[in-house]
Amino acid sequence: MIPRKPISLKRCILLIAGMILLAACSRDDTAPLSEQLDYMIRNKRLFDEKKEERIDIFRRMLHVPNLTPAQEYAINDSLSEVFYKYRLDSTIRYGERNLEIARQLGDRDRCASSAIRLARFYSSRGACIEARQLLDSVRRELPRSFLELYYRTYVITSLEKVAGIATQTRTETSLGLSW
């Protein structure tokens, strides 16, 4: 056997210093997140009230006299985004209305945008077959500028259908996709 050299004092001090440094770096960084989450849970009612106020403002705007279809479309668009992940049935109702308005206006871009967004809403609800049918129905007349969004939505609805996942957020996160 080869005799081992004793550990020098210098190495021992470096080893201890490194261990102390590692211990100091491994402090609990989840405390601020925990505090923020606790704050949000405690104030859930306040956040809900603020969201309801925003929704009320948009809903009142829908009752303005002489509202053009384009203006109604824009308000519905805002309402569907406010409702998304809050009240999915309302989101879908405004999305369906927007698709109807876009078709009445004969606006290809709005039809494509509305159909893709509505497919996303259907998919979030777990209605993947309806989402897929809607996407298939707009594919032929899809403007080139909507292809990326179309395929993102198509992939997500396909994965949700295969995996049986009904929450859009989980799929978007796992794919690294954002809207």
Foldseek 3Di string as FASTA:
>chain_A
DDDDDDDDPVVVVVVVVVVVVVVVVPDDPCVVVVVVVVVCVVCVVVVVVVLVVVLVVLVVVCVDPPQDLVNLLVSLVVNLVSCVVPPLVSNLVSLVVQCVSCVVVVPLASNLVSLLVNLLSCLLQQNLVVSLVSLVVSVVSHDPVCVVSSVVSVVQSVVCVVVVDNHSVVSCVVVVHDD
